[in-house]
Amino acid sequence: MERLELSELALLLREAAGEDEGAVLDEDTLDTLFLDLGYDSLALLQVTGVVERDHDLMLDEEALAEAQTPRQYLDLVNGALAARAAA
């Protein structure tokens, strides 16, 4: 089953925000707010565009607005991928 992994999300965020911006994204920061990690809404918007394009997926905008942490974002994306695979 197709999944978005933490390492891929971390790479996409670094590319969207710039290499020097944002904190390290790992298992210890899964529940830290994106803003506290140094990633703003523009970086998340750019990442979402890449994720949607690369995975041929449309994510719910309201659910995206509520995804405030890496764990919530990964759960949202991977839930959508799982739902598509089950259909």
PDB file of N, CA and C in Angstrom:
ATOM      1  N   MET A   1       0.847  -1.185   0.000  1.00  0.00           N
ATOM      2  CA  MET A   1       0.000   0.000   0.000  1.00  0.00           C
ATOM      3  C   MET A   1       0.892   1.248   0.000  1.00  0.00           C
ATOM      4  N   GLU A   2       0.494   2.199  -0.761  1.00  0.00           N
ATOM      5  CA  GLU A   2       1.207   3.469  -0.878  1.00  0.00           C
ATOM      6  C   GLU A   2       1.068   4.260   0.429  1.00  0.00           C
ATOM      7  N   ARG A   3       2.192   4.860   0.889  1.00  0.00           N
ATOM      8  CA  ARG A   3       2.185   5.646   2.123  1.00  0.00           C
ATOM      9  C   ARG A   3       3.118   6.846   1.979  1.00  0.00           C
ATOM     10  N   LEU A   4       2.808   7.893   2.718  1.00  0.00           N
ATOM     11  CA  LEU A   4       3.730   9.015   2.854  1.00  0.00           C
ATOM     12  C   LEU A   4       4.482   8.787   4.158  1.00  0.00           C
ATOM     13  N   GLU A   5       5.781   8.640   4.065  1.00  0.00           N
ATOM     14  CA  GLU A   5       6.606   8.376   5.243  1.00  0.00           C
ATOM     15  C   GLU A   5       7.120   9.690   5.833  1.00  0.00           C
ATOM     16  N   LEU A   6       7.485   9.641   7.091  1.00  0.00           N
ATOM     17  CA  LEU A   6       8.005  10.817   7.788  1.00  0.00           C
ATOM     18  C   LEU A   6       9.235  11.375   7.077  1.00  0.00           C
ATOM     19  N   SER A   7      10.105  10.513   6.608  1.00  0.00           N
ATOM     20  CA  SER A   7      11.324  10.981   5.936  1.00  0.00           C
ATOM     21  C   SER A   7      10.993  11.756   4.660  1.00  0.00           C
ATOM     22  N   GLU A   8       9.973  11.306   3.924  1.00  0.00           N
ATOM     23  CA  GLU A   8       9.559  12.015   2.708  1.00  0.00           C
ATOM     24  C   GLU A   8       8.940  13.364   3.062  1.00  0.00           C
ATOM     25  N   LEU A   9       8.103  13.386   4.095  1.00  0.00           N
ATOM     26  CA  LEU A   9       7.505  14.646   4.542  1.00  0.00           C
ATOM     27  C   LEU A   9       8.587  15.625   4.973  1.00  0.00           C
ATOM     28  N   ALA A  10       9.582  15.150   5.707  1.00  0.00           N
ATOM     29  CA  ALA A  10      10.675  16.013   6.163  1.00  0.00           C
ATOM     30  C   ALA A  10      11.424  16.616   4.977  1.00  0.00           C
ATOM     31  N   LEU A  11      11.698  15.808   3.973  1.00  0.00           N
ATOM     32  CA  LEU A  11      12.396  16.293   2.781  1.00  0.00           C
ATOM     33  C   LEU A  11      11.566  17.335   2.047  1.00  0.00           C
ATOM     34  N   LEU A  12      10.277  17.062   1.875  1.00  0.00           N
ATOM     35  CA  LEU A  12       9.396  18.008   1.187  1.00  0.00           C
ATOM     36  C   LEU A  12       9.305  19.332   1.940  1.00  0.00           C
ATOM     37  N   LEU A  13       9.215  19.269   3.261  1.00  0.00           N
ATOM     38  CA  LEU A  13       9.136  20.497   4.060  1.00  0.00           C
ATOM     39  C   LEU A  13      10.424  21.302   3.952  1.00  0.00           C
ATOM     40  N   ARG A  14      11.573  20.623   4.019  1.00  0.00           N
ATOM     41  CA  ARG A  14      12.854  21.338   3.889  1.00  0.00           C
ATOM     42  C   ARG A  14      12.958  22.006   2.527  1.00  0.00           C
ATOM     43  N   GLU A  15      12.528  21.315   1.480  1.00  0.00           N
ATOM     44  CA  GLU A  15      12.585  21.896   0.138  1.00  0.00           C
ATOM     45  C   GLU A  15      11.637  23.088   0.016  1.00  0.00           C
ATOM     46  N   ALA A  16      10.459  22.991   0.619  1.00  0.00           N
ATOM     47  CA  ALA A  16       9.472  24.072   0.528  1.00  0.00           C
ATOM     48  C   ALA A  16       9.893  25.292   1.336  1.00  0.00           C
ATOM     49  N   ALA A  17      10.505  25.055   2.493  1.00  0.00           N
ATOM     50  CA  ALA A  17      10.854  26.154   3.392  1.00  0.00           C
ATOM     51  C   ALA A  17      12.263  26.672   3.147  1.00  0.00           C
ATOM     52  N   GLY A  18      13.068  25.928   2.441  1.00  0.00           N
ATOM     53  CA  GLY A  18      14.470  26.291   2.273  1.00  0.00           C
ATOM     54  C   GLY A  18      15.306  25.430   3.200  1.00  0.00           C
ATOM     55  N   GLU A  19      16.458  25.032   2.753  1.00  0.00           N
ATOM     56  CA  GLU A  19      17.293  24.098   3.499  1.00  0.00           C
ATOM     57  C   GLU A  19      17.620  24.557   4.920  1.00  0.00           C
ATOM     58  N   ASP A  20      17.808  25.856   5.112  1.00  0.00           N
ATOM     59  CA  ASP A  20      18.240  26.339   6.419  1.00  0.00           C
ATOM     60  C   ASP A  20      17.085  26.615   7.369  1.00  0.00           C
ATOM     61  N   GLU A  21      15.850  26.536   6.866  1.00  0.00           N
ATOM     62  CA  GLU A  21      14.706  26.875   7.697  1.00  0.00           C
ATOM     63  C   GLU A  21      14.051  25.620   8.245  1.00  0.00           C
ATOM     64  N   GLY A  22      13.355  25.774   9.370  1.00  0.00           N
ATOM     65  CA  GLY A  22      12.617  24.662   9.949  1.00  0.00           C
ATOM     66  C   GLY A  22      13.505  23.784  10.803  1.00  0.00           C
ATOM     67  N   ALA A  23      12.865  23.105  11.726  1.00  0.00           N
ATOM     68  CA  ALA A  23      13.568  22.234  12.658  1.00  0.00           C
ATOM     69  C   ALA A  23      13.674  20.829  12.079  1.00  0.00           C
ATOM     70  N   VAL A  24      14.436  20.010  12.773  1.00  0.00           N
ATOM     71  CA  VAL A  24      14.553  18.608  12.405  1.00  0.00           C
ATOM     72  C   VAL A  24      13.205  17.938  12.617  1.00  0.00           C
ATOM     73  N   LEU A  25      12.780  17.167  11.652  1.00  0.00           N
ATOM     74  CA  LEU A  25      11.507  16.460  11.733  1.00  0.00           C
ATOM     75  C   LEU A  25      11.814  14.978  11.899  1.00  0.00           C
ATOM     76  N   ASP A  26      11.512  14.450  13.099  1.00  0.00           N
ATOM     77  CA  ASP A  26      11.759  13.042  13.376  1.00  0.00           C
ATOM     78  C   ASP A  26      10.700  12.530  14.341  1.00  0.00           C
ATOM     79  N   GLU A  27      10.879  11.316  14.828  1.00  0.00           N
ATOM     80  CA  GLU A  27       9.892  10.699  15.727  1.00  0.00           C
ATOM     81  C   GLU A  27       9.637  11.560  16.964  1.00  0.00           C
ATOM     82  N   ASP A  28      10.630  12.298  17.426  1.00  0.00           N
ATOM     83  CA  ASP A  28      10.486  13.123  18.629  1.00  0.00           C
ATOM     84  C   ASP A  28       9.659  14.379  18.389  1.00  0.00           C
ATOM     85  N   THR A  29       9.491  14.776  17.144  1.00  0.00           N
ATOM     86  CA  THR A  29       8.759  16.012  16.851  1.00  0.00           C
ATOM     87  C   THR A  29       7.433  15.763  16.137  1.00  0.00           C
ATOM     88  N   LEU A  30       6.981  14.514  16.099  1.00  0.00           N
ATOM     89  CA  LEU A  30       5.733  14.179  15.404  1.00  0.00           C
ATOM     90  C   LEU A  30       4.525  14.951  15.925  1.00  0.00           C
ATOM     91  N   ASP A  31       4.519  15.261  17.221  1.00  0.00           N
ATOM     92  CA  ASP A  31       3.365  15.935  17.815  1.00  0.00           C
ATOM     93  C   ASP A  31       3.614  17.415  18.100  1.00  0.00           C
ATOM     94  N   THR A  32       4.666  17.962  17.523  1.00  0.00           N
ATOM     95  CA  THR A  32       4.985  19.377  17.665  1.00  0.00           C
ATOM     96  C   THR A  32       4.292  20.152  16.546  1.00  0.00           C
ATOM     97  N   LEU A  33       3.717  21.289  16.884  1.00  0.00           N
ATOM     98  CA  LEU A  33       3.037  22.104  15.877  1.00  0.00           C
ATOM     99  C   LEU A  33       4.006  22.499  14.761  1.00  0.00           C
ATOM    100  N   PHE A  34       3.510  22.489  13.526  1.00  0.00           N
ATOM    101  CA  PHE A  34       4.345  22.904  12.401  1.00  0.00           C
ATOM    102  C   PHE A  34       4.928  24.296  12.633  1.00  0.00           C
ATOM    103  N   LEU A  35       4.126  25.216  13.160  1.00  0.00           N
ATOM    104  CA  LEU A  35       4.626  26.576  13.406  1.00  0.00           C
ATOM    105  C   LEU A  35       5.788  26.570  14.385  1.00  0.00           C
ATOM    106  N   ASP A  36       5.714  25.725  15.415  1.00  0.00           N
ATOM    107  CA  ASP A  36       6.804  25.630  16.386  1.00  0.00           C
ATOM    108  C   ASP A  36       8.056  25.007  15.770  1.00  0.00           C
ATOM    109  N   LEU A  37       7.858  24.235  14.710  1.00  0.00           N
ATOM    110  CA  LEU A  37       8.987  23.633  13.998  1.00  0.00           C
ATOM    111  C   LEU A  37       9.584  24.579  12.962  1.00  0.00           C
ATOM    112  N   GLY A  38       8.918  25.718  12.750  1.00  0.00           N
ATOM    113  CA  GLY A  38       9.421  26.704  11.801  1.00  0.00           C
ATOM    114  C   GLY A  38       8.818  26.599  10.412  1.00  0.00           C
ATOM    115  N   TYR A  39       7.752  25.820  10.270  1.00  0.00           N
ATOM    116  CA  TYR A  39       7.100  25.665   8.966  1.00  0.00           C
ATOM    117  C   TYR A  39       5.781  26.418   8.961  1.00  0.00           C
ATOM    118  N   ASP A  40       5.649  27.369   8.042  1.00  0.00           N
ATOM    119  CA  ASP A  40       4.432  28.179   7.972  1.00  0.00           C
ATOM    120  C   ASP A  40       3.420  27.564   7.011  1.00  0.00           C
ATOM    121  N   SER A  41       2.289  28.215   6.889  1.00  0.00           N
ATOM    122  CA  SER A  41       1.208  27.685   6.053  1.00  0.00           C
ATOM    123  C   SER A  41       1.601  27.635   4.578  1.00  0.00           C
ATOM    124  N   LEU A  42       2.461  28.527   4.136  1.00  0.00           N
ATOM    125  CA  LEU A  42       2.907  28.508   2.741  1.00  0.00           C
ATOM    126  C   LEU A  42       3.718  27.246   2.451  1.00  0.00           C
ATOM    127  N   ALA A  43       4.600  26.886   3.368  1.00  0.00           N
ATOM    128  CA  ALA A  43       5.384  25.657   3.195  1.00  0.00           C
ATOM    129  C   ALA A  43       4.462  24.444   3.143  1.00  0.00           C
ATOM    130  N   LEU A  44       3.460  24.410   4.016  1.00  0.00           N
ATOM    131  CA  LEU A  44       2.519  23.289   4.023  1.00  0.00           C
ATOM    132  C   LEU A  44       1.691  23.248   2.747  1.00  0.00           C
ATOM    133  N   LEU A  45       1.320  24.406   2.246  1.00  0.00           N
ATOM    134  CA  LEU A  45       0.567  24.471   0.993  1.00  0.00           C
ATOM    135  C   LEU A  45       1.401  23.920  -0.164  1.00  0.00           C
ATOM    136  N   GLN A  46       2.669  24.285  -0.200  1.00  0.00           N
ATOM    137  CA  GLN A  46       3.554  23.782  -1.249  1.00  0.00           C
ATOM    138  C   GLN A  46       3.731  22.270  -1.137  1.00  0.00           C
ATOM    139  N   VAL A  47       3.918  21.786   0.077  1.00  0.00           N
ATOM    140  CA  VAL A  47       4.072  20.347   0.303  1.00  0.00           C
ATOM    141  C   VAL A  47       2.811  19.607  -0.123  1.00  0.00           C
ATOM    142  N   THR A  48       1.662  20.155   0.236  1.00  0.00           N
ATOM    143  CA  THR A  48       0.394  19.515  -0.120  1.00  0.00           C
ATOM    144  C   THR A  48       0.233  19.420  -1.632  1.00  0.00           C
ATOM    145  N   GLY A  49       0.626  20.455  -2.342  1.00  0.00           N
ATOM    146  CA  GLY A  49       0.564  20.414  -3.801  1.00  0.00           C
ATOM    147  C   GLY A  49       1.416  19.294  -4.375  1.00  0.00           C
ATOM    148  N   VAL A  50       2.609  19.130  -3.840  1.00  0.00           N
ATOM    149  CA  VAL A  50       3.508  18.066  -4.304  1.00  0.00           C
ATOM    150  C   VAL A  50       2.927  16.695  -3.962  1.00  0.00           C
ATOM    151  N   VAL A  51       2.433  16.550  -2.735  1.00  0.00           N
ATOM    152  CA  VAL A  51       1.861  15.271  -2.302  1.00  0.00           C
ATOM    153  C   VAL A  51       0.664  14.907  -3.173  1.00  0.00           C
ATOM    154  N   GLU A  52      -0.213  15.870  -3.403  1.00  0.00           N
ATOM    155  CA  GLU A  52      -1.394  15.599  -4.223  1.00  0.00           C
ATOM    156  C   GLU A  52      -1.004  15.211  -5.652  1.00  0.00           C
ATOM    157  N   ARG A  53      -0.029  15.893  -6.193  1.00  0.00           N
ATOM    158  CA  ARG A  53       0.414  15.601  -7.562  1.00  0.00           C
ATOM    159  C   ARG A  53       1.125  14.244  -7.640  1.00  0.00           C
ATOM    160  N   ASP A  54       2.066  14.018  -6.736  1.00  0.00           N
ATOM    161  CA  ASP A  54       2.864  12.790  -6.784  1.00  0.00           C
ATOM    162  C   ASP A  54       2.052  11.541  -6.484  1.00  0.00           C
ATOM    163  N   HIS A  55       1.032  11.686  -5.648  1.00  0.00           N
ATOM    164  CA  HIS A  55       0.225  10.528  -5.245  1.00  0.00           C
ATOM    165  C   HIS A  55      -1.143  10.517  -5.915  1.00  0.00           C
ATOM    166  N   ASP A  56      -1.359  11.430  -6.864  1.00  0.00           N
ATOM    167  CA  ASP A  56      -2.637  11.528  -7.575  1.00  0.00           C
ATOM    168  C   ASP A  56      -3.801  11.495  -6.582  1.00  0.00           C
ATOM    169  N   LEU A  57      -3.811  12.498  -5.700  1.00  0.00           N
ATOM    170  CA  LEU A  57      -4.714  12.522  -4.560  1.00  0.00           C
ATOM    171  C   LEU A  57      -5.262  13.925  -4.372  1.00  0.00           C
ATOM    172  N   MET A  58      -6.501  14.030  -3.930  1.00  0.00           N
ATOM    173  CA  MET A  58      -7.077  15.315  -3.531  1.00  0.00           C
ATOM    174  C   MET A  58      -7.392  15.235  -2.045  1.00  0.00           C
ATOM    175  N   LEU A  59      -6.796  16.113  -1.267  1.00  0.00           N
ATOM    176  CA  LEU A  59      -6.999  16.108   0.179  1.00  0.00           C
ATOM    177  C   LEU A  59      -8.065  17.122   0.559  1.00  0.00           C
ATOM    178  N   ASP A  60      -8.826  16.796   1.579  1.00  0.00           N
ATOM    179  CA  ASP A  60      -9.894  17.655   2.076  1.00  0.00           C
ATOM    180  C   ASP A  60      -9.294  18.917   2.701  1.00  0.00           C
ATOM    181  N   GLU A  61      -9.707  20.080   2.221  1.00  0.00           N
ATOM    182  CA  GLU A  61      -9.139  21.352   2.692  1.00  0.00           C
ATOM    183  C   GLU A  61      -9.414  21.602   4.170  1.00  0.00           C
ATOM    184  N   GLU A  62     -10.605  21.262   4.641  1.00  0.00           N
ATOM    185  CA  GLU A  62     -10.927  21.462   6.059  1.00  0.00           C
ATOM    186  C   GLU A  62     -10.070  20.567   6.936  1.00  0.00           C
ATOM    187  N   ALA A  63      -9.896  19.327   6.526  1.00  0.00           N
ATOM    188  CA  ALA A  63      -9.057  18.406   7.289  1.00  0.00           C
ATOM    189  C   ALA A  63      -7.605  18.876   7.277  1.00  0.00           C
ATOM    190  N   LEU A  64      -7.150  19.402   6.141  1.00  0.00           N
ATOM    191  CA  LEU A  64      -5.787  19.932   6.064  1.00  0.00           C
ATOM    192  C   LEU A  64      -5.584  21.089   7.031  1.00  0.00           C
ATOM    193  N   ALA A  65      -6.586  21.941   7.149  1.00  0.00           N
ATOM    194  CA  ALA A  65      -6.487  23.090   8.054  1.00  0.00           C
ATOM    195  C   ALA A  65      -6.365  22.642   9.502  1.00  0.00           C
ATOM    196  N   GLU A  66      -6.904  21.477   9.812  1.00  0.00           N
ATOM    197  CA  GLU A  66      -6.851  20.962  11.180  1.00  0.00           C
ATOM    198  C   GLU A  66      -5.587  20.157  11.451  1.00  0.00           C
ATOM    199  N   ALA A  67      -4.854  19.791  10.423  1.00  0.00           N
ATOM    200  CA  ALA A  67      -3.625  19.017  10.582  1.00  0.00           C
ATOM    201  C   ALA A  67      -2.499  19.964  10.988  1.00  0.00           C
ATOM    202  N   GLN A  68      -2.308  20.111  12.274  1.00  0.00           N
ATOM    203  CA  GLN A  68      -1.366  21.090  12.820  1.00  0.00           C
ATOM    204  C   GLN A  68       0.011  20.514  13.149  1.00  0.00           C
ATOM    205  N   THR A  69       0.123  19.179  13.129  1.00  0.00           N
ATOM    206  CA  THR A  69       1.386  18.521  13.479  1.00  0.00           C
ATOM    207  C   THR A  69       1.767  17.532  12.378  1.00  0.00           C
ATOM    208  N   PRO A  70       3.022  17.132  12.339  1.00  0.00           N
ATOM    209  CA  PRO A  70       3.417  16.122  11.349  1.00  0.00           C
ATOM    210  C   PRO A  70       2.601  14.830  11.470  1.00  0.00           C
ATOM    211  N   ARG A  71       2.327  14.378  12.697  1.00  0.00           N
ATOM    212  CA  ARG A  71       1.549  13.151  12.865  1.00  0.00           C
ATOM    213  C   ARG A  71       0.150  13.307  12.267  1.00  0.00           C
ATOM    214  N   GLN A  72      -0.495  14.431  12.530  1.00  0.00           N
ATOM    215  CA  GLN A  72      -1.837  14.663  11.995  1.00  0.00           C
ATOM    216  C   GLN A  72      -1.807  14.726  10.470  1.00  0.00           C
ATOM    217  N   TYR A  73      -0.800  15.362   9.918  1.00  0.00           N
ATOM    218  CA  TYR A  73      -0.676  15.470   8.462  1.00  0.00           C
ATOM    219  C   TYR A  73      -0.461  14.090   7.842  1.00  0.00           C
ATOM    220  N   LEU A  74       0.454  13.320   8.405  1.00  0.00           N
ATOM    221  CA  LEU A  74       0.710  11.975   7.891  1.00  0.00           C
ATOM    222  C   LEU A  74      -0.531  11.098   8.002  1.00  0.00           C
ATOM    223  N   ASP A  75      -1.239  11.189   9.129  1.00  0.00           N
ATOM    224  CA  ASP A  75      -2.471  10.410   9.304  1.00  0.00           C
ATOM    225  C   ASP A  75      -3.502  10.778   8.242  1.00  0.00           C
ATOM    226  N   LEU A  76      -3.622  12.070   7.956  1.00  0.00           N
ATOM    227  CA  LEU A  76      -4.580  12.529   6.951  1.00  0.00           C
ATOM    228  C   LEU A  76      -4.223  11.983   5.565  1.00  0.00           C
ATOM    229  N   VAL A  77      -2.979  12.174   5.169  1.00  0.00           N
ATOM    230  CA  VAL A  77      -2.548  11.726   3.843  1.00  0.00           C
ATOM    231  C   VAL A  77      -2.640  10.208   3.734  1.00  0.00           C
ATOM    232  N   ASN A  78      -2.125   9.502   4.729  1.00  0.00           N
ATOM    233  CA  ASN A  78      -2.124   8.047   4.653  1.00  0.00           C
ATOM    234  C   ASN A  78      -3.527   7.466   4.771  1.00  0.00           C
ATOM    235  N   GLY A  79      -4.409   8.141   5.490  1.00  0.00           N
ATOM    236  CA  GLY A  79      -5.808   7.722   5.535  1.00  0.00           C
ATOM    237  C   GLY A  79      -6.469   7.858   4.173  1.00  0.00           C
ATOM    238  N   ALA A  80      -6.179   8.948   3.478  1.00  0.00           N
ATOM    239  CA  ALA A  80      -6.734   9.156   2.138  1.00  0.00           C
ATOM    240  C   ALA A  80      -6.173   8.132   1.152  1.00  0.00           C
ATOM    241  N   LEU A  81      -4.892   7.819   1.281  1.00  0.00           N
ATOM    242  CA  LEU A  81      -4.291   6.810   0.408  1.00  0.00           C
ATOM    243  C   LEU A  81      -4.892   5.432   0.670  1.00  0.00           C
ATOM    244  N   ALA A  82      -5.108   5.105   1.945  1.00  0.00           N
ATOM    245  CA  ALA A  82      -5.703   3.811   2.300  1.00  0.00           C
ATOM    246  C   ALA A  82      -7.140   3.715   1.802  1.00  0.00           C
ATOM    247  N   ALA A  83      -7.893   4.804   1.933  1.00  0.00           N
ATOM    248  CA  ALA A  83      -9.286   4.808   1.469  1.00  0.00           C
ATOM    249  C   ALA A  83      -9.347   4.610  -0.042  1.00  0.00           C
ATOM    250  N   ARG A  84      -8.429   5.245  -0.743  1.00  0.00           N
ATOM    251  CA  ARG A  84      -8.399   5.082  -2.196  1.00  0.00           C
ATOM    252  C   ARG A  84      -8.045   3.648  -2.575  1.00  0.00           C
ATOM    253  N   ALA A  85      -7.106   3.048  -1.855  1.00  0.00           N
ATOM    254  CA  ALA A  85      -6.697   1.676  -2.155  1.00  0.00           C
ATOM    255  C   ALA A  85      -7.822   0.683  -1.873  1.00  0.00           C
ATOM    256  N   ALA A  86      -8.643   0.987  -0.861  1.00  0.00           N
ATOM    257  CA  ALA A  86      -9.739   0.091  -0.486  1.00  0.00           C
ATOM    258  C   ALA A  86     -10.930   0.210  -1.428  1.00  0.00           C
ATOM    259  N   ALA A  87     -11.003   1.302  -2.169  1.00  0.00           N
ATOM    260  CA  ALA A  87     -12.163   1.537  -3.052  1.00  0.00           C
ATOM    261  C   ALA A  87     -12.127   0.677  -4.295  1.00  0.00           C
TER     262      ALA A  87
END
